[in-house]
Amino acid sequence: MALAQAHAWVFTIALIILALMAVLCLVRAVIGPTIADRLVAVNMMGTMVMVIISILAVRMNEGYLVDICLIYAMISFLSVVVLTKVYSGVYLERQDKKRKLEEAEKKEGEQDDANS
């Protein structure tokens, strides 16, 4: 009985630590200076939620929570892939626009030199 009670304390402490880390990741996702920081924070939050669900499944002795955890893992993976795809598309558009602007400035400079 003492061993089961000791495991309960370990699980409770792990849940509290994971909850605090999830809050810190949420802050990072909101404040994050770059999109990449936000993507990593969202991915970390998804992983921590899966661990929390797994710990709750063991602690509460409920098998259906493992199924929920697996479904959450699939949804989290797909969301990170989609967000990464969107971010890379936006990044490539910015790079293309920057390159076109530099080419236009270069042509204007050449035309000014030719006219002088």
PDB file of N, CA and C in Angstrom:
ATOM      1  N   MET A   1       0.826  -1.203   0.000  1.00  0.00           N
ATOM      2  CA  MET A   1       0.000   0.000   0.000  1.00  0.00           C
ATOM      3  C   MET A   1       0.867   1.264   0.000  1.00  0.00           C
ATOM      4  N   ALA A   2       1.978   1.212   0.722  1.00  0.00           N
ATOM      5  CA  ALA A   2       2.847   2.383   0.805  1.00  0.00           C
ATOM      6  C   ALA A   2       3.481   2.674  -0.554  1.00  0.00           C
ATOM      7  N   LEU A   3       3.771   1.609  -1.310  1.00  0.00           N
ATOM      8  CA  LEU A   3       4.361   1.803  -2.627  1.00  0.00           C
ATOM      9  C   LEU A   3       3.373   2.469  -3.579  1.00  0.00           C
ATOM     10  N   ALA A   4       2.124   2.057  -3.536  1.00  0.00           N
ATOM     11  CA  ALA A   4       1.100   2.671  -4.383  1.00  0.00           C
ATOM     12  C   ALA A   4       0.898   4.132  -4.006  1.00  0.00           C
ATOM     13  N   GLN A   5       0.953   4.420  -2.726  1.00  0.00           N
ATOM     14  CA  GLN A   5       0.800   5.799  -2.276  1.00  0.00           C
ATOM     15  C   GLN A   5       2.010   6.639  -2.698  1.00  0.00           C
ATOM     16  N   ALA A   6       3.196   6.061  -2.678  1.00  0.00           N
ATOM     17  CA  ALA A   6       4.398   6.776  -3.116  1.00  0.00           C
ATOM     18  C   ALA A   6       4.316   7.075  -4.609  1.00  0.00           C
ATOM     19  N   HIS A   7       3.811   6.123  -5.386  1.00  0.00           N
ATOM     20  CA  HIS A   7       3.632   6.372  -6.818  1.00  0.00           C
ATOM     21  C   HIS A   7       2.623   7.482  -7.057  1.00  0.00           C
ATOM     22  N   ALA A   8       1.579   7.534  -6.249  1.00  0.00           N
ATOM     23  CA  ALA A   8       0.579   8.591  -6.399  1.00  0.00           C
ATOM     24  C   ALA A   8       1.214   9.960  -6.191  1.00  0.00           C
ATOM     25  N   TRP A   9       2.117  10.068  -5.199  1.00  0.00           N
ATOM     26  CA  TRP A   9       2.792  11.338  -4.955  1.00  0.00           C
ATOM     27  C   TRP A   9       3.710  11.705  -6.121  1.00  0.00           C
ATOM     28  N   VAL A  10       4.399  10.729  -6.663  1.00  0.00           N
ATOM     29  CA  VAL A  10       5.287  10.987  -7.800  1.00  0.00           C
ATOM     30  C   VAL A  10       4.478  11.460  -8.999  1.00  0.00           C
ATOM     31  N   PHE A  11       3.341  10.796  -9.251  1.00  0.00           N
ATOM     32  CA  PHE A  11       2.491  11.205 -10.366  1.00  0.00           C
ATOM     33  C   PHE A  11       1.940  12.611 -10.155  1.00  0.00           C
ATOM     34  N   THR A  12       1.544  12.923  -8.935  1.00  0.00           N
ATOM     35  CA  THR A  12       1.007  14.260  -8.644  1.00  0.00           C
ATOM     36  C   THR A  12       2.071  15.328  -8.846  1.00  0.00           C
ATOM     37  N   ILE A  13       3.274  15.073  -8.367  1.00  0.00           N
ATOM     38  CA  ILE A  13       4.358  16.034  -8.542  1.00  0.00           C
ATOM     39  C   ILE A  13       4.682  16.201 -10.023  1.00  0.00           C
ATOM     40  N   ALA A  14       4.708  15.095 -10.766  1.00  0.00           N
ATOM     41  CA  ALA A  14       4.984  15.175 -12.204  1.00  0.00           C
ATOM     42  C   ALA A  14       3.898  15.973 -12.919  1.00  0.00           C
ATOM     43  N   LEU A  15       2.643  15.782 -12.530  1.00  0.00           N
ATOM     44  CA  LEU A  15       1.550  16.543 -13.155  1.00  0.00           C
ATOM     45  C   LEU A  15       1.668  18.039 -12.871  1.00  0.00           C
ATOM     46  N   ILE A  16       2.042  18.380 -11.655  1.00  0.00           N
ATOM     47  CA  ILE A  16       2.198  19.799 -11.309  1.00  0.00           C
ATOM     48  C   ILE A  16       3.341  20.423 -12.107  1.00  0.00           C
ATOM     49  N   ILE A  17       4.461  19.714 -12.187  1.00  0.00           N
ATOM     50  CA  ILE A  17       5.607  20.237 -12.949  1.00  0.00           C
ATOM     51  C   ILE A  17       5.252  20.385 -14.425  1.00  0.00           C
ATOM     52  N   LEU A  18       4.573  19.386 -14.986  1.00  0.00           N
ATOM     53  CA  LEU A  18       4.177  19.464 -16.391  1.00  0.00           C
ATOM     54  C   LEU A  18       3.191  20.601 -16.637  1.00  0.00           C
ATOM     55  N   ALA A  19       2.287  20.831 -15.686  1.00  0.00           N
ATOM     56  CA  ALA A  19       1.339  21.935 -15.838  1.00  0.00           C
ATOM     57  C   ALA A  19       2.062  23.279 -15.843  1.00  0.00           C
ATOM     58  N   LEU A  20       3.048  23.436 -14.964  1.00  0.00           N
ATOM     59  CA  LEU A  20       3.826  24.683 -14.934  1.00  0.00           C
ATOM     60  C   LEU A  20       4.613  24.862 -16.234  1.00  0.00           C
ATOM     61  N   MET A  21       5.188  23.768 -16.725  1.00  0.00           N
ATOM     62  CA  MET A  21       5.939  23.861 -17.977  1.00  0.00           C
ATOM     63  C   MET A  21       5.019  24.181 -19.152  1.00  0.00           C
ATOM     64  N   ALA A  22       3.803  23.666 -19.136  1.00  0.00           N
ATOM     65  CA  ALA A  22       2.853  23.968 -20.207  1.00  0.00           C
ATOM     66  C   ALA A  22       2.470  25.444 -20.190  1.00  0.00           C
ATOM     67  N   VAL A  23       2.321  26.003 -19.003  1.00  0.00           N
ATOM     68  CA  VAL A  23       2.019  27.437 -18.899  1.00  0.00           C
ATOM     69  C   VAL A  23       3.190  28.260 -19.438  1.00  0.00           C
ATOM     70  N   LEU A  24       4.409  27.854 -19.112  1.00  0.00           N
ATOM     71  CA  LEU A  24       5.578  28.572 -19.630  1.00  0.00           C
ATOM     72  C   LEU A  24       5.665  28.462 -21.153  1.00  0.00           C
ATOM     73  N   CYS A  25       5.317  27.307 -21.693  1.00  0.00           N
ATOM     74  CA  CYS A  25       5.306  27.157 -23.155  1.00  0.00           C
ATOM     75  C   CYS A  25       4.221  28.020 -23.786  1.00  0.00           C
ATOM     76  N   LEU A  26       3.099  28.144 -23.099  1.00  0.00           N
ATOM     77  CA  LEU A  26       2.033  29.012 -23.606  1.00  0.00           C
ATOM     78  C   LEU A  26       2.504  30.456 -23.652  1.00  0.00           C
ATOM     79  N   VAL A  27       3.216  30.882 -22.621  1.00  0.00           N
ATOM     80  CA  VAL A  27       3.769  32.239 -22.615  1.00  0.00           C
ATOM     81  C   VAL A  27       4.753  32.405 -23.774  1.00  0.00           C
ATOM     82  N   ARG A  28       5.581  31.390 -24.002  1.00  0.00           N
ATOM     83  CA  ARG A  28       6.549  31.458 -25.099  1.00  0.00           C
ATOM     84  C   ARG A  28       5.840  31.496 -26.447  1.00  0.00           C
ATOM     85  N   ALA A  29       4.743  30.768 -26.559  1.00  0.00           N
ATOM     86  CA  ALA A  29       3.993  30.754 -27.821  1.00  0.00           C
ATOM     87  C   ALA A  29       3.360  32.112 -28.095  1.00  0.00           C
ATOM     88  N   VAL A  30       2.966  32.812 -27.066  1.00  0.00           N
ATOM     89  CA  VAL A  30       2.347  34.127 -27.252  1.00  0.00           C
ATOM     90  C   VAL A  30       3.402  35.200 -27.480  1.00  0.00           C
ATOM     91  N   ILE A  31       4.477  35.186 -26.702  1.00  0.00           N
ATOM     92  CA  ILE A  31       5.483  36.233 -26.759  1.00  0.00           C
ATOM     93  C   ILE A  31       6.535  35.976 -27.828  1.00  0.00           C
ATOM     94  N   GLY A  32       6.834  34.716 -28.090  1.00  0.00           N
ATOM     95  CA  GLY A  32       7.919  34.303 -28.968  1.00  0.00           C
ATOM     96  C   GLY A  32       8.303  35.297 -30.047  1.00  0.00           C
ATOM     97  N   PRO A  33       9.557  35.669 -30.134  1.00  0.00           N
ATOM     98  CA  PRO A  33       9.945  36.699 -31.095  1.00  0.00           C
ATOM     99  C   PRO A  33       9.830  36.249 -32.553  1.00  0.00           C
ATOM    100  N   THR A  34       9.950  34.961 -32.812  1.00  0.00           N
ATOM    101  CA  THR A  34       9.848  34.498 -34.194  1.00  0.00           C
ATOM    102  C   THR A  34       8.764  33.431 -34.306  1.00  0.00           C
ATOM    103  N   ILE A  35       8.368  33.172 -35.531  1.00  0.00           N
ATOM    104  CA  ILE A  35       7.359  32.147 -35.787  1.00  0.00           C
ATOM    105  C   ILE A  35       7.902  30.771 -35.407  1.00  0.00           C
ATOM    106  N   ALA A  36       9.172  30.547 -35.649  1.00  0.00           N
ATOM    107  CA  ALA A  36       9.768  29.251 -35.314  1.00  0.00           C
ATOM    108  C   ALA A  36       9.690  28.979 -33.812  1.00  0.00           C
ATOM    109  N   ASP A  37       9.926  29.999 -32.991  1.00  0.00           N
ATOM    110  CA  ASP A  37       9.789  29.833 -31.541  1.00  0.00           C
ATOM    111  C   ASP A  37       8.369  29.448 -31.170  1.00  0.00           C
ATOM    112  N   ARG A  38       7.419  30.055 -31.815  1.00  0.00           N
ATOM    113  CA  ARG A  38       6.013  29.754 -31.533  1.00  0.00           C
ATOM    114  C   ARG A  38       5.654  28.334 -31.944  1.00  0.00           C
ATOM    115  N   LEU A  39       6.172  27.888 -33.089  1.00  0.00           N
ATOM    116  CA  LEU A  39       5.906  26.520 -33.537  1.00  0.00           C
ATOM    117  C   LEU A  39       6.492  25.498 -32.570  1.00  0.00           C
ATOM    118  N   VAL A  40       7.701  25.740 -32.125  1.00  0.00           N
ATOM    119  CA  VAL A  40       8.330  24.819 -31.182  1.00  0.00           C
ATOM    120  C   VAL A  40       7.561  24.798 -29.867  1.00  0.00           C
ATOM    121  N   ALA A  41       7.108  25.955 -29.411  1.00  0.00           N
ATOM    122  CA  ALA A  41       6.344  26.018 -28.160  1.00  0.00           C
ATOM    123  C   ALA A  41       5.020  25.266 -28.288  1.00  0.00           C
ATOM    124  N   VAL A  42       4.344  25.415 -29.407  1.00  0.00           N
ATOM    125  CA  VAL A  42       3.081  24.698 -29.609  1.00  0.00           C
ATOM    126  C   VAL A  42       3.330  23.199 -29.659  1.00  0.00           C
ATOM    127  N   ASN A  43       4.405  22.781 -30.310  1.00  0.00           N
ATOM    128  CA  ASN A  43       4.734  21.359 -30.378  1.00  0.00           C
ATOM    129  C   ASN A  43       5.062  20.818 -28.981  1.00  0.00           C
ATOM    130  N   MET A  44       5.810  21.582 -28.198  1.00  0.00           N
ATOM    131  CA  MET A  44       6.138  21.155 -26.835  1.00  0.00           C
ATOM    132  C   MET A  44       4.886  21.056 -25.971  1.00  0.00           C
ATOM    133  N   MET A  45       3.969  21.997 -26.135  1.00  0.00           N
ATOM    134  CA  MET A  45       2.727  21.930 -25.363  1.00  0.00           C
ATOM    135  C   MET A  45       1.937  20.674 -25.716  1.00  0.00           C
ATOM    136  N   GLY A  46       1.893  20.346 -27.000  1.00  0.00           N
ATOM    137  CA  GLY A  46       1.192  19.136 -27.419  1.00  0.00           C
ATOM    138  C   GLY A  46       1.806  17.890 -26.808  1.00  0.00           C
ATOM    139  N   THR A  47       3.128  17.835 -26.782  1.00  0.00           N
ATOM    140  CA  THR A  47       3.811  16.684 -26.189  1.00  0.00           C
ATOM    141  C   THR A  47       3.547  16.600 -24.697  1.00  0.00           C
ATOM    142  N   MET A  48       3.584  17.735 -24.014  1.00  0.00           N
ATOM    143  CA  MET A  48       3.333  17.719 -22.575  1.00  0.00           C
ATOM    144  C   MET A  48       1.900  17.320 -22.252  1.00  0.00           C
ATOM    145  N   VAL A  49       0.952  17.742 -23.069  1.00  0.00           N
ATOM    146  CA  VAL A  49      -0.435  17.342 -22.846  1.00  0.00           C
ATOM    147  C   VAL A  49      -0.579  15.831 -23.016  1.00  0.00           C
ATOM    148  N   MET A  50       0.128  15.269 -23.990  1.00  0.00           N
ATOM    149  CA  MET A  50       0.082  13.809 -24.164  1.00  0.00           C
ATOM    150  C   MET A  50       0.656  13.090 -22.940  1.00  0.00           C
ATOM    151  N   VAL A  51       1.738  13.601 -22.386  1.00  0.00           N
ATOM    152  CA  VAL A  51       2.326  12.990 -21.189  1.00  0.00           C
ATOM    153  C   VAL A  51       1.374  13.128 -20.008  1.00  0.00           C
ATOM    154  N   ILE A  52       0.733  14.284 -19.881  1.00  0.00           N
ATOM    155  CA  ILE A  52      -0.233  14.488 -18.794  1.00  0.00           C
ATOM    156  C   ILE A  52      -1.388  13.498 -18.914  1.00  0.00           C
ATOM    157  N   ILE A  53      -1.905  13.324 -20.120  1.00  0.00           N
ATOM    158  CA  ILE A  53      -3.000  12.373 -20.317  1.00  0.00           C
ATOM    159  C   ILE A  53      -2.543  10.954 -19.987  1.00  0.00           C
ATOM    160  N   SER A  54      -1.321  10.608 -20.370  1.00  0.00           N
ATOM    161  CA  SER A  54      -0.799   9.266 -20.071  1.00  0.00           C
ATOM    162  C   SER A  54      -0.653   9.044 -18.569  1.00  0.00           C
ATOM    163  N   ILE A  55      -0.147  10.044 -17.875  1.00  0.00           N
ATOM    164  CA  ILE A  55      -0.005   9.919 -16.420  1.00  0.00           C
ATOM    165  C   ILE A  55      -1.375   9.788 -15.766  1.00  0.00           C
ATOM    166  N   LEU A  56      -2.334  10.557 -16.233  1.00  0.00           N
ATOM    167  CA  LEU A  56      -3.685  10.441 -15.682  1.00  0.00           C
ATOM    168  C   LEU A  56      -4.285   9.069 -15.962  1.00  0.00           C
ATOM    169  N   ALA A  57      -3.979   8.497 -17.124  1.00  0.00           N
ATOM    170  CA  ALA A  57      -4.483   7.154 -17.447  1.00  0.00           C
ATOM    171  C   ALA A  57      -3.938   6.122 -16.472  1.00  0.00           C
ATOM    172  N   VAL A  58      -2.649   6.239 -16.127  1.00  0.00           N
ATOM    173  CA  VAL A  58      -2.049   5.293 -15.182  1.00  0.00           C
ATOM    174  C   VAL A  58      -2.584   5.540 -13.776  1.00  0.00           C
ATOM    175  N   ARG A  59      -2.660   6.803 -13.389  1.00  0.00           N
ATOM    176  CA  ARG A  59      -3.076   7.130 -12.017  1.00  0.00           C
ATOM    177  C   ARG A  59      -4.531   6.786 -11.768  1.00  0.00           C
ATOM    178  N   MET A  60      -5.386   7.054 -12.750  1.00  0.00           N
ATOM    179  CA  MET A  60      -6.816   6.785 -12.566  1.00  0.00           C
ATOM    180  C   MET A  60      -7.197   5.361 -12.984  1.00  0.00           C
ATOM    181  N   ASN A  61      -6.227   4.633 -13.568  1.00  0.00           N
ATOM    182  CA  ASN A  61      -6.452   3.264 -14.018  1.00  0.00           C
ATOM    183  C   ASN A  61      -7.598   3.190 -15.036  1.00  0.00           C
ATOM    184  N   GLU A  62      -7.565   4.113 -15.994  1.00  0.00           N
ATOM    185  CA  GLU A  62      -8.574   4.189 -17.050  1.00  0.00           C
ATOM    186  C   GLU A  62      -7.899   3.984 -18.392  1.00  0.00           C
ATOM    187  N   GLY A  63      -8.270   2.924 -19.089  1.00  0.00           N
ATOM    188  CA  GLY A  63      -7.638   2.583 -20.349  1.00  0.00           C
ATOM    189  C   GLY A  63      -8.052   3.466 -21.511  1.00  0.00           C
ATOM    190  N   TYR A  64      -9.258   4.031 -21.455  1.00  0.00           N
ATOM    191  CA  TYR A  64      -9.731   4.850 -22.574  1.00  0.00           C
ATOM    192  C   TYR A  64      -8.929   6.134 -22.731  1.00  0.00           C
ATOM    193  N   LEU A  65      -8.260   6.571 -21.679  1.00  0.00           N
ATOM    194  CA  LEU A  65      -7.444   7.783 -21.780  1.00  0.00           C
ATOM    195  C   LEU A  65      -6.238   7.576 -22.696  1.00  0.00           C
ATOM    196  N   VAL A  66      -5.765   6.347 -22.797  1.00  0.00           N
ATOM    197  CA  VAL A  66      -4.655   6.060 -23.706  1.00  0.00           C
ATOM    198  C   VAL A  66      -5.120   6.251 -25.147  1.00  0.00           C
ATOM    199  N   ASP A  67      -6.347   5.832 -25.453  1.00  0.00           N
ATOM    200  CA  ASP A  67      -6.900   6.054 -26.797  1.00  0.00           C
ATOM    201  C   ASP A  67      -7.014   7.546 -27.100  1.00  0.00           C
ATOM    202  N   ILE A  68      -7.457   8.296 -26.126  1.00  0.00           N
ATOM    203  CA  ILE A  68      -7.555   9.744 -26.297  1.00  0.00           C
ATOM    204  C   ILE A  68      -6.173  10.339 -26.526  1.00  0.00           C
ATOM    205  N   CYS A  69      -5.185   9.835 -25.814  1.00  0.00           N
ATOM    206  CA  CYS A  69      -3.811  10.316 -25.975  1.00  0.00           C
ATOM    207  C   CYS A  69      -3.296  10.037 -27.387  1.00  0.00           C
ATOM    208  N   LEU A  70      -3.584   8.867 -27.924  1.00  0.00           N
ATOM    209  CA  LEU A  70      -3.144   8.533 -29.280  1.00  0.00           C
ATOM    210  C   LEU A  70      -3.816   9.430 -30.321  1.00  0.00           C
ATOM    211  N   ILE A  71      -5.097   9.676 -30.141  1.00  0.00           N
ATOM    212  CA  ILE A  71      -5.806  10.567 -31.062  1.00  0.00           C
ATOM    213  C   ILE A  71      -5.239  11.980 -30.964  1.00  0.00           C
ATOM    214  N   TYR A  72      -4.972  12.431 -29.756  1.00  0.00           N
ATOM    215  CA  TYR A  72      -4.383  13.756 -29.563  1.00  0.00           C
ATOM    216  C   TYR A  72      -3.007  13.842 -30.210  1.00  0.00           C
ATOM    217  N   ALA A  73      -2.234  12.763 -30.143  1.00  0.00           N
ATOM    218  CA  ALA A  73      -0.903  12.750 -30.762  1.00  0.00           C
ATOM    219  C   ALA A  73      -1.014  12.922 -32.269  1.00  0.00           C
ATOM    220  N   MET A  74      -1.975  12.233 -32.877  1.00  0.00           N
ATOM    221  CA  MET A  74      -2.153  12.366 -34.331  1.00  0.00           C
ATOM    222  C   MET A  74      -2.570  13.790 -34.704  1.00  0.00           C
ATOM    223  N   ILE A  75      -3.500  14.351 -33.961  1.00  0.00           N
ATOM    224  CA  ILE A  75      -3.966  15.708 -34.254  1.00  0.00           C
ATOM    225  C   ILE A  75      -2.835  16.722 -34.025  1.00  0.00           C
ATOM    226  N   SER A  76      -2.070  16.544 -32.971  1.00  0.00           N
ATOM    227  CA  SER A  76      -0.955  17.451 -32.685  1.00  0.00           C
ATOM    228  C   SER A  76       0.090  17.383 -33.790  1.00  0.00           C
ATOM    229  N   PHE A  77       0.405  16.184 -34.245  1.00  0.00           N
ATOM    230  CA  PHE A  77       1.376  16.028 -35.319  1.00  0.00           C
ATOM    231  C   PHE A  77       0.899  16.723 -36.589  1.00  0.00           C
ATOM    232  N   LEU A  78      -0.360  16.496 -36.952  1.00  0.00           N
ATOM    233  CA  LEU A  78      -0.891  17.122 -38.163  1.00  0.00           C
ATOM    234  C   LEU A  78      -0.923  18.641 -38.050  1.00  0.00           C
ATOM    235  N   SER A  79      -1.270  19.153 -36.885  1.00  0.00           N
ATOM    236  CA  SER A  79      -1.323  20.611 -36.730  1.00  0.00           C
ATOM    237  C   SER A  79       0.061  21.233 -36.864  1.00  0.00           C
ATOM    238  N   VAL A  80       1.077  20.601 -36.312  1.00  0.00           N
ATOM    239  CA  VAL A  80       2.439  21.138 -36.428  1.00  0.00           C
ATOM    240  C   VAL A  80       2.912  21.065 -37.877  1.00  0.00           C
ATOM    241  N   VAL A  81       2.578  19.992 -38.576  1.00  0.00           N
ATOM    242  CA  VAL A  81       2.964  19.889 -39.988  1.00  0.00           C
ATOM    243  C   VAL A  81       2.289  20.985 -40.805  1.00  0.00           C
ATOM    244  N   VAL A  82       1.000  21.214 -40.568  1.00  0.00           N
ATOM    245  CA  VAL A  82       0.277  22.250 -41.315  1.00  0.00           C
ATOM    246  C   VAL A  82       0.830  23.629 -40.988  1.00  0.00           C
ATOM    247  N   LEU A  83       1.069  23.911 -39.717  1.00  0.00           N
ATOM    248  CA  LEU A  83       1.615  25.219 -39.341  1.00  0.00           C
ATOM    249  C   LEU A  83       3.000  25.432 -39.937  1.00  0.00           C
ATOM    250  N   THR A  84       3.810  24.396 -39.974  1.00  0.00           N
ATOM    251  CA  THR A  84       5.133  24.508 -40.575  1.00  0.00           C
ATOM    252  C   THR A  84       5.026  24.765 -42.072  1.00  0.00           C
ATOM    253  N   LYS A  85       4.099  24.093 -42.728  1.00  0.00           N
ATOM    254  CA  LYS A  85       3.889  24.305 -44.166  1.00  0.00           C
ATOM    255  C   LYS A  85       3.451  25.747 -44.436  1.00  0.00           C
ATOM    256  N   VAL A  86       2.530  26.256 -43.640  1.00  0.00           N
ATOM    257  CA  VAL A  86       2.075  27.640 -43.806  1.00  0.00           C
ATOM    258  C   VAL A  86       3.227  28.605 -43.572  1.00  0.00           C
ATOM    259  N   TYR A  87       4.006  28.368 -42.515  1.00  0.00           N
ATOM    260  CA  TYR A  87       5.129  29.251 -42.208  1.00  0.00           C
ATOM    261  C   TYR A  87       6.159  29.237 -43.325  1.00  0.00           C
ATOM    262  N   SER A  88       6.469  28.066 -43.847  1.00  0.00           N
ATOM    263  CA  SER A  88       7.464  28.001 -44.918  1.00  0.00           C
ATOM    264  C   SER A  88       6.947  28.687 -46.180  1.00  0.00           C
ATOM    265  N   GLY A  89       5.644  28.594 -46.462  1.00  0.00           N
ATOM    266  CA  GLY A  89       5.070  29.300 -47.601  1.00  0.00           C
ATOM    267  C   GLY A  89       5.171  30.803 -47.450  1.00  0.00           C
ATOM    268  N   VAL A  90       4.877  31.303 -46.263  1.00  0.00           N
ATOM    269  CA  VAL A  90       4.983  32.740 -45.999  1.00  0.00           C
ATOM    270  C   VAL A  90       6.433  33.179 -46.119  1.00  0.00           C
ATOM    271  N   TYR A  91       7.362  32.388 -45.604  1.00  0.00           N
ATOM    272  CA  TYR A  91       8.787  32.718 -45.674  1.00  0.00           C
ATOM    273  C   TYR A  91       9.255  32.782 -47.127  1.00  0.00           C
ATOM    274  N   LEU A  92       8.857  31.812 -47.937  1.00  0.00           N
ATOM    275  CA  LEU A  92       9.269  31.805 -49.338  1.00  0.00           C
ATOM    276  C   LEU A  92       8.679  32.986 -50.105  1.00  0.00           C
ATOM    277  N   GLU A  93       7.438  33.354 -49.783  1.00  0.00           N
ATOM    278  CA  GLU A  93       6.832  34.528 -50.429  1.00  0.00           C
ATOM    279  C   GLU A  93       7.599  35.795 -50.083  1.00  0.00           C
ATOM    280  N   ARG A  94       7.982  35.936 -48.821  1.00  0.00           N
ATOM    281  CA  ARG A  94       8.751  37.120 -48.417  1.00  0.00           C
ATOM    282  C   ARG A  94      10.098  37.168 -49.128  1.00  0.00           C
ATOM    283  N   GLN A  95      10.760  36.031 -49.226  1.00  0.00           N
ATOM    284  CA  GLN A  95      12.052  35.990 -49.905  1.00  0.00           C
ATOM    285  C   GLN A  95      11.907  36.334 -51.379  1.00  0.00           C
ATOM    286  N   ASP A  96      10.850  35.828 -52.029  1.00  0.00           N
ATOM    287  CA  ASP A  96      10.625  36.112 -53.441  1.00  0.00           C
ATOM    288  C   ASP A  96      10.330  37.597 -53.658  1.00  0.00           C
ATOM    289  N   LYS A  97       9.519  38.165 -52.773  1.00  0.00           N
ATOM    290  CA  LYS A  97       9.193  39.592 -52.884  1.00  0.00           C
ATOM    291  C   LYS A  97      10.444  40.444 -52.666  1.00  0.00           C
ATOM    292  N   LYS A  98      11.271  40.052 -51.719  1.00  0.00           N
ATOM    293  CA  LYS A  98      12.513  40.779 -51.448  1.00  0.00           C
ATOM    294  C   LYS A  98      13.456  40.707 -52.659  1.00  0.00           C
ATOM    295  N   ARG A  99      13.565  39.527 -53.264  1.00  0.00           N
ATOM    296  CA  ARG A  99      14.430  39.349 -54.434  1.00  0.00           C
ATOM    297  C   ARG A  99      13.939  40.194 -55.604  1.00  0.00           C
ATOM    298  N   LYS A 100      12.616  40.207 -55.838  1.00  0.00           N
ATOM    299  CA  LYS A 100      12.060  41.006 -56.931  1.00  0.00           C
ATOM    300  C   LYS A 100      12.285  42.494 -56.696  1.00  0.00           C
ATOM    301  N   LEU A 101      12.153  42.942 -55.473  1.00  0.00           N
ATOM    302  CA  LEU A 101      12.387  44.351 -55.141  1.00  0.00           C
ATOM    303  C   LEU A 101      13.852  44.722 -55.384  1.00  0.00           C
ATOM    304  N   GLU A 102      14.769  43.838 -55.003  1.00  0.00           N
ATOM    305  CA  GLU A 102      16.193  44.105 -55.234  1.00  0.00           C
ATOM    306  C   GLU A 102      16.506  44.145 -56.726  1.00  0.00           C
ATOM    307  N   GLU A 103      15.890  43.259 -57.507  1.00  0.00           N
ATOM    308  CA  GLU A 103      16.107  43.265 -58.952  1.00  0.00           C
ATOM    309  C   GLU A 103      15.567  44.549 -59.584  1.00  0.00           C
ATOM    310  N   ALA A 104      14.393  45.003 -59.115  1.00  0.00           N
ATOM    311  CA  ALA A 104      13.814  46.235 -59.650  1.00  0.00           C
ATOM    312  C   ALA A 104      14.710  47.429 -59.313  1.00  0.00           C
ATOM    313  N   GLU A 105      15.256  47.484 -58.101  1.00  0.00           N
ATOM    314  CA  GLU A 105      16.149  48.568 -57.712  1.00  0.00           C
ATOM    315  C   GLU A 105      17.434  48.531 -58.538  1.00  0.00           C
ATOM    316  N   LYS A 106      17.924  47.342 -58.831  1.00  0.00           N
ATOM    317  CA  LYS A 106      19.135  47.193 -59.628  1.00  0.00           C
ATOM    318  C   LYS A 106      18.909  47.679 -61.057  1.00  0.00           C
ATOM    319  N   LYS A 107      17.738  47.340 -61.636  1.00  0.00           N
ATOM    320  CA  LYS A 107      17.414  47.797 -62.989  1.00  0.00           C
ATOM    321  C   LYS A 107      17.285  49.313 -63.042  1.00  0.00           C
ATOM    322  N   GLU A 108      16.648  49.894 -62.012  1.00  0.00           N
ATOM    323  CA  GLU A 108      16.513  51.354 -61.969  1.00  0.00           C
ATOM    324  C   GLU A 108      17.885  52.007 -61.886  1.00  0.00           C
ATOM    325  N   GLY A 109      18.775  51.414 -61.085  1.00  0.00           N
ATOM    326  CA  GLY A 109      20.123  51.959 -60.973  1.00  0.00           C
ATOM    327  C   GLY A 109      20.880  51.873 -62.301  1.00  0.00           C
ATOM    328  N   GLU A 110      20.695  50.785 -63.038  1.00  0.00           N
ATOM    329  CA  GLU A 110      21.343  50.645 -64.339  1.00  0.00           C
ATOM    330  C   GLU A 110      20.785  51.632 -65.341  1.00  0.00           C
ATOM    331  N   GLN A 111      19.479  51.866 -65.282  1.00  0.00           N
ATOM    332  CA  GLN A 111      18.863  52.828 -66.203  1.00  0.00           C
ATOM    333  C   GLN A 111      19.332  54.247 -65.891  1.00  0.00           C
ATOM    334  N   ASP A 112      19.464  54.564 -64.614  1.00  0.00           N
ATOM    335  CA  ASP A 112      19.966  55.892 -64.244  1.00  0.00           C
ATOM    336  C   ASP A 112      21.407  56.081 -64.729  1.00  0.00           C
ATOM    337  N   ASP A 113      22.226  55.050 -64.622  1.00  0.00           N
ATOM    338  CA  ASP A 113      23.612  55.128 -65.092  1.00  0.00           C
ATOM    339  C   ASP A 113      23.657  55.293 -66.618  1.00  0.00           C
ATOM    340  N   ALA A 114      22.765  54.610 -67.323  1.00  0.00           N
ATOM    341  CA  ALA A 114      22.738  54.692 -68.784  1.00  0.00           C
ATOM    342  C   ALA A 114      22.255  56.077 -69.244  1.00  0.00           C
ATOM    343  N   ASN A 115      21.345  56.672 -68.511  1.00  0.00           N
ATOM    344  CA  ASN A 115      20.811  57.985 -68.866  1.00  0.00           C
ATOM    345  C   ASN A 115      21.809  59.102 -68.563  1.00  0.00           C
ATOM    346  N   SER A 116      22.720  58.878 -67.659  1.00  0.00           N
ATOM    347  CA  SER A 116      23.668  59.942 -67.261  1.00  0.00           C
ATOM    348  C   SER A 116      24.751  60.145 -68.228  1.00  0.00           C
TER     349      SER A 116
END
